[in-house]
C-alpha atoms as a PDB file:
ATOM      1  CA  MET A   1     199.636 -39.919  53.976  1.00  0.00           C
ATOM      2  CA  CYS A   2     200.363 -37.693  50.934  1.00  0.00           C
ATOM      3  CA  GLY A   3     199.914 -38.042  47.317  1.00  0.00           C
ATOM      4  CA  ILE A   4     202.755 -37.753  44.616  1.00  0.00           C
ATOM      5  CA  ALA A   5     202.554 -37.530  40.896  1.00  0.00           C
ATOM      6  CA  GLY A   6     204.535 -36.423  37.932  1.00  0.00           C
ATOM      7  CA  HIS A   7     205.741 -36.874  34.381  1.00  0.00           C
ATOM      8  CA  VAL A   8     208.685 -36.834  32.149  1.00  0.00           C
ATOM      9  CA  GLY A   9     207.815 -36.046  28.436  1.00  0.00           C
ATOM     10  CA  PRO A  10     205.608 -33.763  26.691  1.00  0.00           C
ATOM     11  CA  THR A  11     201.956 -33.469  28.041  1.00  0.00           C
ATOM     12  CA  ALA A  12     199.110 -31.112  28.195  1.00  0.00           C
ATOM     13  CA  ARG A  13     199.520 -28.299  30.791  1.00  0.00           C
ATOM     14  CA  GLU A  14     196.341 -29.427  32.642  1.00  0.00           C
ATOM     15  CA  LEU A  15     197.504 -32.993  33.137  1.00  0.00           C
ATOM     16  CA  LEU A  16     199.479 -32.638  36.418  1.00  0.00           C
ATOM     17  CA  PRO A  17     196.787 -30.475  38.159  1.00  0.00           C
ATOM     18  CA  ALA A  18     194.139 -33.093  37.091  1.00  0.00           C
ATOM     19  CA  MET A  19     196.305 -35.956  38.512  1.00  0.00           C
ATOM     20  CA  LEU A  20     196.758 -34.075  41.788  1.00  0.00           C
ATOM     21  CA  GLY A  21     193.005 -33.439  41.892  1.00  0.00           C
ATOM     22  CA  LEU A  22     192.324 -37.215  42.098  1.00  0.00           C
ATOM     23  CA  LEU A  23     194.965 -37.405  44.987  1.00  0.00           C
ATOM     24  CA  LYS A  24     193.609 -34.447  47.047  1.00  0.00           C
ATOM     25  CA  HIS A  25     192.061 -36.860  49.643  1.00  0.00           C
ATOM     26  CA  ARG A  26     195.703 -38.143  50.443  1.00  0.00           C
ATOM     27  CA  GLY A  27     196.812 -34.628  51.362  1.00  0.00           C
ATOM     28  CA  PRO A  28     194.309 -31.975  52.178  1.00  0.00           C
ATOM     29  CA  ASP A  29     196.777 -29.616  53.986  1.00  0.00           C
ATOM     30  CA  ASP A  30     198.770 -28.382  51.094  1.00  0.00           C
ATOM     31  CA  SER A  31     199.653 -28.928  47.404  1.00  0.00           C
ATOM     32  CA  GLY A  32     202.302 -27.806  44.974  1.00  0.00           C
ATOM     33  CA  ILE A  33     203.701 -28.192  41.444  1.00  0.00           C
ATOM     34  CA  HIS A  34     207.162 -27.843  40.040  1.00  0.00           C
ATOM     35  CA  THR A  35     207.487 -27.697  36.102  1.00  0.00           C
ATOM     36  CA  ALA A  36     210.515 -27.299  33.863  1.00  0.00           C
ATOM     37  CA  ASP A  37     210.299 -27.835  30.139  1.00  0.00           C
ATOM     38  CA  ASP A  38     208.661 -31.262  29.631  1.00  0.00           C
ATOM     39  CA  VAL A  39     209.002 -32.378  33.295  1.00  0.00           C
ATOM     40  CA  GLY A  40     206.559 -31.934  36.185  1.00  0.00           C
ATOM     41  CA  LEU A  41     206.379 -32.948  39.863  1.00  0.00           C
ATOM     42  CA  GLY A  42     203.412 -32.456  42.083  1.00  0.00           C
ATOM     43  CA  MET A  43     202.187 -33.473  45.485  1.00  0.00           C
ATOM     44  CA  THR A  44     199.170 -33.122  47.857  1.00  0.00           C
ATOM     45  CA  ARG A  45     200.448 -32.912  51.474  1.00  0.00           C
ATOM     46  CA  LEU A  46     199.173 -34.136  54.761  1.00  0.00           C
ATOM     47  CA  ALA A  47     201.449 -32.234  57.111  1.00  0.00           C
ATOM     48  CA  ILE A  48     202.950 -34.169  59.872  1.00  0.00           C
ATOM     49  CA  ILE A  49     206.656 -33.083  60.266  1.00  0.00           C
ATOM     50  CA  ASP A  50     207.808 -29.475  60.038  1.00  0.00           C
ATOM     51  CA  LEU A  51     204.371 -27.966  59.403  1.00  0.00           C
ATOM     52  CA  VAL A  52     205.744 -24.418  58.602  1.00  0.00           C
ATOM     53  CA  THR A  53     208.671 -24.999  56.118  1.00  0.00           C
ATOM     54  CA  GLY A  54     208.023 -28.485  54.784  1.00  0.00           C
ATOM     55  CA  GLN A  55     206.291 -27.546  51.439  1.00  0.00           C
ATOM     56  CA  GLN A  56     206.784 -29.561  48.422  1.00  0.00           C
ATOM     57  CA  PRO A  57     208.033 -29.962  45.735  1.00  0.00           C
ATOM     58  CA  MET A  58     211.308 -29.123  47.477  1.00  0.00           C
ATOM     59  CA  SER A  59     214.643 -28.184  45.938  1.00  0.00           C
ATOM     60  CA  ASP A  60     218.286 -28.186  47.065  1.00  0.00           C
ATOM     61  CA  PRO A  61     219.950 -24.748  47.441  1.00  0.00           C
ATOM     62  CA  THR A  62     221.205 -24.869  43.846  1.00  0.00           C
ATOM     63  CA  GLY A  63     217.838 -25.688  42.210  1.00  0.00           C
ATOM     64  CA  ARG A  64     219.225 -28.619  40.448  1.00  0.00           C
ATOM     65  CA  TYR A  65     217.470 -31.374  42.416  1.00  0.00           C
ATOM     66  CA  TRP A  66     213.732 -31.419  43.162  1.00  0.00           C
ATOM     67  CA  ILE A  67     211.760 -33.908  45.270  1.00  0.00           C
ATOM     68  CA  VAL A  68     208.331 -35.009  45.920  1.00  0.00           C
ATOM     69  CA  PHE A  69     207.991 -37.323  48.856  1.00  0.00           C
ATOM     70  CA  ASN A  70     205.139 -39.465  50.585  1.00  0.00           C
ATOM     71  CA  GLY A  71     205.902 -41.168  53.781  1.00  0.00           C
ATOM     72  CA  GLU A  72     208.009 -40.791  57.041  1.00  0.00           C
ATOM     73  CA  ILE A  73     211.687 -41.441  57.515  1.00  0.00           C
ATOM     74  CA  TYR A  74     212.089 -42.728  61.200  1.00  0.00           C
ATOM     75  CA  ASN A  75     215.860 -42.117  61.332  1.00  0.00           C
ATOM     76  CA  PHE A  76     216.006 -38.746  59.684  1.00  0.00           C
ATOM     77  CA  ARG A  77     217.386 -36.915  62.627  1.00  0.00           C
ATOM     78  CA  GLN A  78     220.411 -39.383  62.831  1.00  0.00           C
ATOM     79  CA  LEU A  79     220.874 -39.170  59.098  1.00  0.00           C
ATOM     80  CA  ARG A  80     220.550 -35.388  59.156  1.00  0.00           C
ATOM     81  CA  ALA A  81     223.353 -35.217  61.814  1.00  0.00           C
ATOM     82  CA  GLU A  82     225.616 -37.312  59.685  1.00  0.00           C
ATOM     83  CA  LEU A  83     225.003 -34.998  56.666  1.00  0.00           C
ATOM     84  CA  VAL A  84     225.641 -31.931  58.586  1.00  0.00           C
ATOM     85  CA  ALA A  85     228.824 -33.296  59.849  1.00  0.00           C
ATOM     86  CA  GLY A  86     229.688 -33.801  56.189  1.00  0.00           C
ATOM     87  CA  GLY A  87     229.111 -30.211  55.459  1.00  0.00           C
ATOM     88  CA  ARG A  88     225.528 -30.218  54.288  1.00  0.00           C
ATOM     89  CA  ARG A  89     223.376 -27.184  55.197  1.00  0.00           C
ATOM     90  CA  PHE A  90     219.693 -27.478  55.758  1.00  0.00           C
ATOM     91  CA  ARG A  91     216.968 -24.889  55.396  1.00  0.00           C
ATOM     92  CA  THR A  92     213.995 -26.857  57.010  1.00  0.00           C
ATOM     93  CA  ARG A  93     213.457 -29.465  59.728  1.00  0.00           C
ATOM     94  CA  SER A  94     211.682 -31.939  57.494  1.00  0.00           C
ATOM     95  CA  ASP A  95     212.669 -35.535  56.615  1.00  0.00           C
ATOM     96  CA  THR A  96     211.992 -34.584  52.932  1.00  0.00           C
ATOM     97  CA  GLU A  97     215.085 -32.353  52.891  1.00  0.00           C
ATOM     98  CA  VAL A  98     217.101 -35.141  54.487  1.00  0.00           C
ATOM     99  CA  ILE A  99     216.162 -37.492  51.672  1.00  0.00           C
ATOM    100  CA  LEU A 100     217.114 -34.911  49.120  1.00  0.00           C
ATOM    101  CA  HIS A 101     220.599 -34.230  50.768  1.00  0.00           C
ATOM    102  CA  ALA A 102     221.186 -37.920  51.127  1.00  0.00           C
ATOM    103  CA  TYR A 103     220.597 -38.493  47.390  1.00  0.00           C
ATOM    104  CA  VAL A 104     222.998 -35.696  46.542  1.00  0.00           C
ATOM    105  CA  ALA A 105     225.673 -37.215  48.806  1.00  0.00           C
ATOM    106  CA  TYR A 106     225.151 -40.874  48.216  1.00  0.00           C
ATOM    107  CA  GLY A 107     223.275 -41.277  44.890  1.00  0.00           C
ATOM    108  CA  GLU A 108     221.014 -44.173  44.593  1.00  0.00           C
ATOM    109  CA  GLY A 109     222.714 -45.684  47.711  1.00  0.00           C
ATOM    110  CA  CYS A 110     220.719 -43.256  49.781  1.00  0.00           C
ATOM    111  CA  VAL A 111     217.857 -45.756  50.068  1.00  0.00           C
ATOM    112  CA  GLU A 112     220.069 -48.210  52.033  1.00  0.00           C
ATOM    113  CA  ARG A 113     220.348 -45.581  54.680  1.00  0.00           C
ATOM    114  CA  LEU A 114     216.676 -44.888  55.017  1.00  0.00           C
ATOM    115  CA  SER A 115     214.590 -46.541  57.840  1.00  0.00           C
ATOM    116  CA  GLY A 116     210.924 -45.835  57.316  1.00  0.00           C
ATOM    117  CA  MET A 117     207.968 -46.001  54.905  1.00  0.00           C
ATOM    118  CA  PHE A 118     208.483 -44.018  51.658  1.00  0.00           C
ATOM    119  CA  ALA A 119     207.776 -43.360  48.088  1.00  0.00           C
ATOM    120  CA  PHE A 120     209.538 -40.385  46.382  1.00  0.00           C
ATOM    121  CA  ALA A 121     210.813 -39.064  43.105  1.00  0.00           C
ATOM    122  CA  ILE A 122     213.876 -36.932  42.556  1.00  0.00           C
ATOM    123  CA  TRP A 123     214.500 -35.050  39.463  1.00  0.00           C
ATOM    124  CA  ASP A 124     218.151 -34.105  38.505  1.00  0.00           C
ATOM    125  CA  GLY A 125     217.759 -31.136  36.098  1.00  0.00           C
ATOM    126  CA  ALA A 126     221.376 -31.168  35.155  1.00  0.00           C
ATOM    127  CA  GLU A 127     221.619 -34.872  34.118  1.00  0.00           C
ATOM    128  CA  ARG A 128     217.820 -35.012  33.121  1.00  0.00           C
ATOM    129  CA  ARG A 129     217.399 -38.058  35.309  1.00  0.00           C
ATOM    130  CA  LEU A 130     214.371 -39.062  37.284  1.00  0.00           C
ATOM    131  CA  PHE A 131     214.975 -41.375  40.347  1.00  0.00           C
ATOM    132  CA  LEU A 132     211.958 -43.204  41.826  1.00  0.00           C
ATOM    133  CA  ALA A 133     212.103 -45.372  45.019  1.00  0.00           C
ATOM    134  CA  ARG A 134     209.637 -47.016  47.285  1.00  0.00           C
ATOM    135  CA  ASP A 135     210.231 -48.688  50.717  1.00  0.00           C
ATOM    136  CA  ARG A 136     211.031 -52.324  50.808  1.00  0.00           C
ATOM    137  CA  LEU A 137     207.608 -53.659  51.730  1.00  0.00           C
ATOM    138  CA  GLY A 138     205.705 -51.306  49.525  1.00  0.00           C
ATOM    139  CA  LYS A 139     203.882 -49.670  52.452  1.00  0.00           C
ATOM    140  CA  LYS A 140     203.724 -46.453  50.478  1.00  0.00           C
ATOM    141  CA  PRO A 141     202.282 -47.097  46.935  1.00  0.00           C
ATOM    142  CA  LEU A 142     203.972 -45.968  43.653  1.00  0.00           C
ATOM    143  CA  TYR A 143     202.572 -46.668  40.230  1.00  0.00           C
ATOM    144  CA  TYR A 144     204.062 -45.911  36.828  1.00  0.00           C
ATOM    145  CA  TRP A 145     203.175 -46.022  33.189  1.00  0.00           C
ATOM    146  CA  HIS A 146     205.830 -45.730  30.423  1.00  0.00           C
ATOM    147  CA  ARG A 147     205.629 -45.571  26.561  1.00  0.00           C
ATOM    148  CA  GLY A 148     207.963 -44.061  24.140  1.00  0.00           C
ATOM    149  CA  ARG A 149     209.166 -40.599  25.417  1.00  0.00           C
ATOM    150  CA  LEU A 150     206.652 -40.352  28.081  1.00  0.00           C
ATOM    151  CA  PHE A 151     206.856 -41.558  31.627  1.00  0.00           C
ATOM    152  CA  LEU A 152     204.093 -40.965  34.318  1.00  0.00           C
ATOM    153  CA  PHE A 153     204.040 -41.921  38.022  1.00  0.00           C
ATOM    154  CA  ALA A 154     201.483 -41.450  40.771  1.00  0.00           C
ATOM    155  CA  SER A 155     200.609 -42.735  44.155  1.00  0.00           C
ATOM    156  CA  GLU A 156     197.348 -44.252  42.788  1.00  0.00           C
ATOM    157  CA  PRO A 157     196.700 -45.776  39.425  1.00  0.00           C
ATOM    158  CA  LYS A 158     193.517 -43.680  38.822  1.00  0.00           C
ATOM    159  CA  ALA A 159     195.699 -40.560  38.595  1.00  0.00           C
ATOM    160  CA  LEU A 160     197.612 -42.255  35.644  1.00  0.00           C
ATOM    161  CA  LEU A 161     194.311 -42.622  33.849  1.00  0.00           C
ATOM    162  CA  CYS A 162     194.175 -38.860  33.441  1.00  0.00           C
ATOM    163  CA  HIS A 163     196.358 -39.195  30.356  1.00  0.00           C
ATOM    164  CA  PRO A 164     194.315 -40.349  27.437  1.00  0.00           C
ATOM    165  CA  ALA A 165     197.007 -42.746  26.100  1.00  0.00           C
ATOM    166  CA  VAL A 166     196.820 -45.022  29.371  1.00  0.00           C
ATOM    167  CA  ALA A 167     194.649 -47.981  28.487  1.00  0.00           C
ATOM    168  CA  ARG A 168     191.613 -48.500  30.615  1.00  0.00           C
ATOM    169  CA  ALA A 169     191.533 -52.273  29.792  1.00  0.00           C
ATOM    170  CA  LEU A 170     191.698 -54.541  32.775  1.00  0.00           C
ATOM    171  CA  ASP A 171     194.560 -57.084  32.891  1.00  0.00           C
ATOM    172  CA  TRP A 172     192.521 -60.172  33.942  1.00  0.00           C
ATOM    173  CA  SER A 173     195.626 -62.308  34.912  1.00  0.00           C
ATOM    174  CA  ALA A 174     196.742 -59.682  37.213  1.00  0.00           C
ATOM    175  CA  PHE A 175     193.332 -59.238  38.600  1.00  0.00           C
ATOM    176  CA  HIS A 176     193.115 -63.054  39.212  1.00  0.00           C
ATOM    177  CA  HIS A 177     196.498 -63.102  41.116  1.00  0.00           C
ATOM    178  CA  TYR A 178     195.321 -60.056  43.213  1.00  0.00           C
ATOM    179  CA  LEU A 179     192.093 -61.826  44.296  1.00  0.00           C
ATOM    180  CA  ALA A 180     193.813 -65.218  44.876  1.00  0.00           C
ATOM    181  CA  ILE A 181     196.934 -64.075  46.837  1.00  0.00           C
ATOM    182  CA  ARG A 182     196.408 -60.243  47.329  1.00  0.00           C
ATOM    183  CA  ARG A 183     199.562 -59.506  45.309  1.00  0.00           C
ATOM    184  CA  ARG A 184     200.971 -59.596  41.768  1.00  0.00           C
ATOM    185  CA  SER A 185     202.666 -62.730  40.581  1.00  0.00           C
ATOM    186  CA  SER A 186     206.489 -62.488  40.878  1.00  0.00           C
ATOM    187  CA  THR A 187     207.147 -65.134  38.223  1.00  0.00           C
ATOM    188  CA  GLY A 188     207.132 -64.572  34.383  1.00  0.00           C
ATOM    189  CA  ALA A 189     206.129 -61.299  32.947  1.00  0.00           C
ATOM    190  CA  SER A 190     205.307 -58.435  35.331  1.00  0.00           C
ATOM    191  CA  ARG A 191     201.633 -58.352  36.251  1.00  0.00           C
ATOM    192  CA  ARG A 192     199.538 -55.059  36.031  1.00  0.00           C
ATOM    193  CA  GLY A 193     196.148 -54.171  37.218  1.00  0.00           C
ATOM    194  CA  THR A 194     195.596 -52.428  33.943  1.00  0.00           C
ATOM    195  CA  THR A 195     197.284 -53.023  30.706  1.00  0.00           C
ATOM    196  CA  GLY A 196     200.370 -50.917  30.320  1.00  0.00           C
ATOM    197  CA  GLY A 197     200.635 -49.783  33.886  1.00  0.00           C
ATOM    198  CA  SER A 198     202.832 -51.319  36.754  1.00  0.00           C
ATOM    199  CA  ARG A 199     203.252 -50.922  40.434  1.00  0.00           C
ATOM    200  CA  ARG A 200     206.722 -50.084  41.510  1.00  0.00           C
ATOM    201  CA  ARG A 201     208.793 -52.626  43.340  1.00  0.00           C
ATOM    202  CA  PRO A 202     211.505 -51.589  45.839  1.00  0.00           C
ATOM    203  CA  ARG A 203     214.178 -49.087  44.553  1.00  0.00           C
ATOM    204  CA  PRO A 204     213.470 -48.692  40.832  1.00  0.00           C
ATOM    205  CA  ARG A 205     215.822 -46.653  38.740  1.00  0.00           C
ATOM    206  CA  GLY A 206     215.177 -43.427  36.913  1.00  0.00           C
ATOM    207  CA  ARG A 207     216.161 -44.093  33.270  1.00  0.00           C
ATOM    208  CA  ASP A 208     215.410 -47.766  33.306  1.00  0.00           C
ATOM    209  CA  PRO A 209     211.757 -48.585  33.897  1.00  0.00           C
ATOM    210  CA  GLY A 210     212.772 -52.058  35.202  1.00  0.00           C
ATOM    211  CA  PRO A 211     212.838 -52.239  38.947  1.00  0.00           C
ATOM    212  CA  ARG A 212     215.650 -53.201  41.198  1.00  0.00           C
ATOM    213  CA  ARG A 213     215.416 -54.741  44.631  1.00  0.00           C
ATOM    214  CA  ALA A 214     217.109 -52.888  47.438  1.00  0.00           C
ATOM    215  CA  ALA A 215     217.152 -55.735  49.912  1.00  0.00           C
ATOM    216  CA  ARG A 216     216.144 -59.479  50.135  1.00  0.00           C
ATOM    217  CA  PRO A 217     214.417 -61.194  53.036  1.00  0.00           C
ATOM    218  CA  PRO A 218     216.644 -63.445  55.112  1.00  0.00           C
ATOM    219  CA  PRO A 219     216.738 -67.134  54.266  1.00  0.00           C
ATOM    220  CA  ARG A 220     214.550 -69.548  56.248  1.00  0.00           C
ATOM    221  CA  PRO A 221     216.331 -71.475  59.085  1.00  0.00           C
ATOM    222  CA  PRO A 222     217.263 -75.064  58.134  1.00  0.00           C
ATOM    223  CA  ARG A 223     214.765 -77.695  59.402  1.00  0.00           C
ATOM    224  CA  ARG A 224     217.418 -79.832  61.079  1.00  0.00           C
ATOM    225  CA  CYS A 225     218.063 -77.159  63.783  1.00  0.00           C
ATOM    226  CA  ALA A 226     214.503 -75.583  63.743  1.00  0.00           C
ATOM    227  CA  ARG A 227     214.482 -75.126  67.529  1.00  0.00           C
ATOM    228  CA  ASP A 228     217.850 -73.405  67.886  1.00  0.00           C
ATOM    229  CA  CYS A 229     217.191 -71.333  64.825  1.00  0.00           C
ATOM    230  CA  ALA A 230     213.770 -70.393  65.941  1.00  0.00           C
ATOM    231  CA  ARG A 231     215.237 -69.153  69.327  1.00  0.00           C
ATOM    232  CA  ARG A 232     217.999 -67.297  67.634  1.00  0.00           C
ATOM    233  CA  TYR A 233     215.819 -65.830  64.878  1.00  0.00           C
ATOM    234  CA  GLY A 234     213.120 -64.975  67.527  1.00  0.00           C
ATOM    235  CA  CYS A 235     215.466 -63.002  69.705  1.00  0.00           C
ATOM    236  CA  ALA A 236     216.682 -61.180  66.619  1.00  0.00           C
ATOM    237  CA  SER A 237     213.213 -60.436  65.541  1.00  0.00           C
ATOM    238  CA  LYS A 238     212.314 -59.054  68.960  1.00  0.00           C
ATOM    239  CA  ALA A 239     215.298 -56.853  68.979  1.00  0.00           C
ATOM    240  CA  THR A 240     214.617 -55.605  65.531  1.00  0.00           C
ATOM    241  CA  CYS A 241     211.002 -54.943  66.410  1.00  0.00           C
ATOM    242  CA  ARG A 242     211.908 -53.023  69.650  1.00  0.00           C
ATOM    243  CA  SER A 243     214.464 -50.969  67.557  1.00  0.00           C
ATOM    244  CA  ALA A 244     211.931 -50.237  64.855  1.00  0.00           C
ATOM    245  CA  CYS A 245     209.303 -49.134  67.331  1.00  0.00           C
ATOM    246  CA  SER A 246     211.778 -46.918  69.266  1.00  0.00           C
ATOM    247  CA  CYS A 247     213.046 -45.387  66.080  1.00  0.00           C
ATOM    248  CA  ARG A 248     209.529 -44.534  64.820  1.00  0.00           C
ATOM    249  CA  ALA A 249     208.413 -43.191  68.214  1.00  0.00           C
ATOM    250  CA  ALA A 250     211.593 -40.965  68.333  1.00  0.00           C
ATOM    251  CA  SER A 251     210.824 -39.632  64.793  1.00  0.00           C
ATOM    252  CA  THR A 252     207.515 -38.139  65.733  1.00  0.00           C
ATOM    253  CA  ARG A 253     208.187 -37.237  69.510  1.00  0.00           C
ATOM    254  CA  ALA A 254     207.783 -33.593  70.207  1.00  0.00           C
ATOM    255  CA  PRO A 255     210.659 -31.914  72.119  1.00  0.00           C
ATOM    256  CA  TRP A 256     210.157 -31.941  75.883  1.00  0.00           C
ATOM    257  CA  SER A 257     208.949 -28.884  77.669  1.00  0.00           C
ATOM    258  CA  PRO A 258     207.784 -28.220  81.206  1.00  0.00           C
ATOM    259  CA  ALA A 259     204.192 -28.068  79.932  1.00  0.00           C
ATOM    260  CA  CYS A 260     204.508 -31.707  78.964  1.00  0.00           C
ATOM    261  CA  ALA A 261     204.749 -32.760  82.442  1.00  0.00           C
ATOM    262  CA  ARG A 262     201.580 -31.060  83.506  1.00  0.00           C
END
């Protein structure tokens, strides 16, 4: 796992290093910071793919787009081949750069093409736009805090608490829901662990703090044909599971060499 954090809006210079310090356990191999005016992106990295040239924050060749990313994209090789065929040029072998080029090519729609677990932030310096996204099931955490002209995000809520304006008061209603059903309530007002902070739902937007859902779960099969539906859905689930396992295994499989057969 890795840790990501950042801000949009005026903050003290020491805020982002302090946030990353609290996320060091998520990525002991490397760390990096990108700042420009009142924007900062940072990450602590656990190196898995492209150990040599996968440092973050990472930019596109023009320097307009910057990304910090936590997770793993299982289909990044297929997506990379698609982008290369479309004229994109890559400088690394990392899945991080694939996400960045996919965003440049497809915009927010890039998340529809990603298969994997992810939480990432992309800053568009020309448009002054921050885009945050998280995988559909929330396997990779992403929290944010927003007030006035200041927006903070991080992989863990304790990093948000580095800013003095973030309230330390506990949201007891959210705490109750978490203990009762191990999740926030999806009805009524958005539930938070602390007052003023929220956990990102799938595919949020950059300018609008309100989340947007990238995909909805399939409907339940009707009761009148439960047996037939169970058979059909069961076969589909098995096929999906096999495909997911194969895709994940392929994403981390090392190239074959004669030494592998020994």
